[in-house]
């Protein structure tokens, strides 16, 4: 998907998603995480569509991994959910509870909310 198309979707739906999820994070687009970090990939592929930065209150969308409108909207919703979660608890689930992405309750909640993407499809 072209970066301009992604930007157009974000400009249309993000204000509404942000309001619905009480999220005031800024959205930034990068081709991938390595571009954002100004780094060279140590592996061939790191398949991440988006991430939320608690320290910067930003949602990073990685355009190389967003294939369609559903991916863009779902990623925005997912990261907005994280913006309302506690960073300390989020990290504790991984480090102290030894959970992984599939078993972390914060990830489960964010993934569950992604199902609401169709609400924003016609915007």
Protein backbone atom coordinates (compact mmCIF):
# COMPACT_ATOMS: atom_id res chain seq x y z
CA UNK A 1 0.00 0.00 0.00
CA UNK A 2 1.35 3.45 -0.89
CA UNK A 3 2.40 5.70 1.97
CA UNK A 4 0.16 8.52 0.69
CA UNK A 5 -2.86 6.21 0.72
CA UNK A 6 -2.07 5.23 4.30
CA UNK A 7 -1.68 8.89 5.24
CA UNK A 8 -5.09 9.66 3.68
CA UNK A 9 -6.75 6.87 5.68
CA UNK A 10 -5.08 8.07 8.89
CA UNK A 11 -6.18 11.65 8.27
CA UNK A 12 -9.79 10.54 7.79
CA UNK A 13 -10.26 7.91 10.49
CA UNK A 14 -7.74 8.63 13.21
CA UNK A 15 -9.50 11.69 14.66
CA UNK A 16 -12.65 9.60 15.13
CA UNK A 17 -10.79 6.56 16.49
CA UNK A 18 -8.81 8.82 18.82
CA UNK A 19 -12.00 10.33 20.16
CA UNK A 20 -13.69 6.94 20.58
CA UNK A 21 -10.67 5.50 22.41
CA UNK A 22 -9.70 8.65 24.34
CA UNK A 23 -6.32 8.68 22.66
CA UNK A 24 -4.31 11.84 22.06
CA UNK A 25 -1.18 10.22 20.62
CA UNK A 26 0.46 11.68 17.54
CA UNK A 27 0.75 9.31 14.55
CA UNK A 28 3.99 9.01 12.58
CA UNK A 29 4.61 6.87 9.49
CA UNK A 30 7.82 5.00 8.68
CA UNK A 31 8.51 2.29 6.14
CA UNK A 32 9.61 -0.02 8.97
CA UNK A 33 10.98 0.02 12.51
CA UNK A 34 14.53 0.24 11.23
CA UNK A 35 13.84 3.45 9.36
CA UNK A 36 12.38 4.95 12.54
CA UNK A 37 15.39 3.86 14.58
CA UNK A 38 17.77 4.93 11.82
CA UNK A 39 19.25 1.47 11.98
CA UNK A 40 20.15 -1.41 9.74
CA UNK A 41 18.18 -4.60 10.08
CA UNK A 42 20.10 -7.43 11.72
CA UNK A 43 17.49 -9.83 10.39
CA UNK A 44 15.82 -10.03 7.03
CA UNK A 45 12.30 -9.26 8.22
CA UNK A 46 10.79 -7.89 11.38
CA UNK A 47 7.06 -8.08 10.83
CA UNK A 48 5.55 -5.31 12.93
CA UNK A 49 2.72 -3.12 11.65
CA UNK A 50 2.68 -0.54 14.41
CA UNK A 51 3.73 0.26 17.94
CA UNK A 52 2.87 2.71 20.69
CA UNK A 53 5.52 4.66 22.56
CA UNK A 54 4.48 5.50 26.10
CA UNK A 55 7.47 7.81 26.55
CA UNK A 56 6.66 9.88 23.44
CA UNK A 57 2.88 9.35 23.33
CA UNK A 58 3.19 8.42 19.65
CA UNK A 59 1.79 5.73 17.43
CA UNK A 60 4.26 4.54 14.81
CA UNK A 61 2.77 2.94 11.71
CA UNK A 62 5.13 0.85 9.56
CA UNK A 63 3.91 1.19 6.01
CA UNK A 64 5.82 -1.79 4.58
CA UNK A 65 3.59 -4.07 6.65
CA UNK A 66 0.23 -2.41 6.07
CA UNK A 67 -1.41 -4.05 3.09
CA UNK A 68 -4.90 -2.56 3.15
CA UNK A 69 -7.32 -0.23 4.90
CA UNK A 70 -8.22 -2.88 7.48
CA UNK A 71 -4.56 -3.16 8.52
CA UNK A 72 -4.28 0.62 8.96
CA UNK A 73 -7.49 0.98 10.97
CA UNK A 74 -6.85 -2.12 13.09
CA UNK A 75 -3.34 -0.93 13.89
CA UNK A 76 -4.60 2.49 14.95
CA UNK A 77 -7.22 0.93 17.22
CA UNK A 78 -4.71 -1.52 18.70
CA UNK A 79 -2.22 1.20 19.57
CA UNK A 80 -4.92 3.54 20.91
CA UNK A 81 -5.90 0.79 23.33
CA UNK A 82 -2.27 0.54 24.47
CA UNK A 83 -2.18 4.31 25.02
CA UNK A 84 -4.73 3.85 27.80
CA UNK A 85 -2.87 0.99 29.47
CA UNK A 86 -0.17 1.17 32.11
CA UNK A 87 3.34 0.81 30.70
CA UNK A 88 4.59 -0.67 33.98
CA UNK A 89 1.92 -3.38 33.98
CA UNK A 90 2.41 -3.99 30.25
CA UNK A 91 6.12 -4.65 30.84
CA UNK A 92 5.51 -6.65 34.02
CA UNK A 93 3.31 -9.09 32.11
CA UNK A 94 6.30 -9.87 29.88
CA UNK A 95 9.16 -9.70 32.36
CA UNK A 96 7.73 -10.80 35.70
CA UNK A 97 4.88 -13.02 34.56
CA UNK A 98 6.82 -14.49 31.63
CA UNK A 99 3.91 -14.02 29.27
CA UNK A 100 4.31 -13.65 25.54
CA UNK A 101 2.43 -11.62 22.95
CA UNK A 102 -0.34 -14.22 22.67
CA UNK A 103 -0.89 -14.50 26.44
CA UNK A 104 -0.39 -10.90 27.58
CA UNK A 105 -3.83 -9.58 28.70
CA UNK A 106 -3.01 -6.11 27.34
CA UNK A 107 -2.29 -7.55 23.88
CA UNK A 108 -5.41 -9.69 24.06
CA UNK A 109 -7.49 -6.60 24.87
CA UNK A 110 -5.93 -4.59 22.04
CA UNK A 111 -6.44 -7.41 19.54
CA UNK A 112 -10.05 -7.83 20.65
CA UNK A 113 -10.73 -4.14 19.96
CA UNK A 114 -9.25 -4.46 16.46
CA UNK A 115 -12.46 -6.27 15.51
CA UNK A 116 -14.16 -2.86 15.56
CA UNK A 117 -12.28 -1.75 12.45
CA UNK A 118 -15.39 -2.09 10.27
CA UNK A 119 -17.02 0.74 12.21
CA UNK A 120 -14.50 3.07 10.55
CA UNK A 121 -14.35 1.42 7.12
CA UNK A 122 -16.85 3.75 5.42
CA UNK A 123 -15.31 6.96 6.71
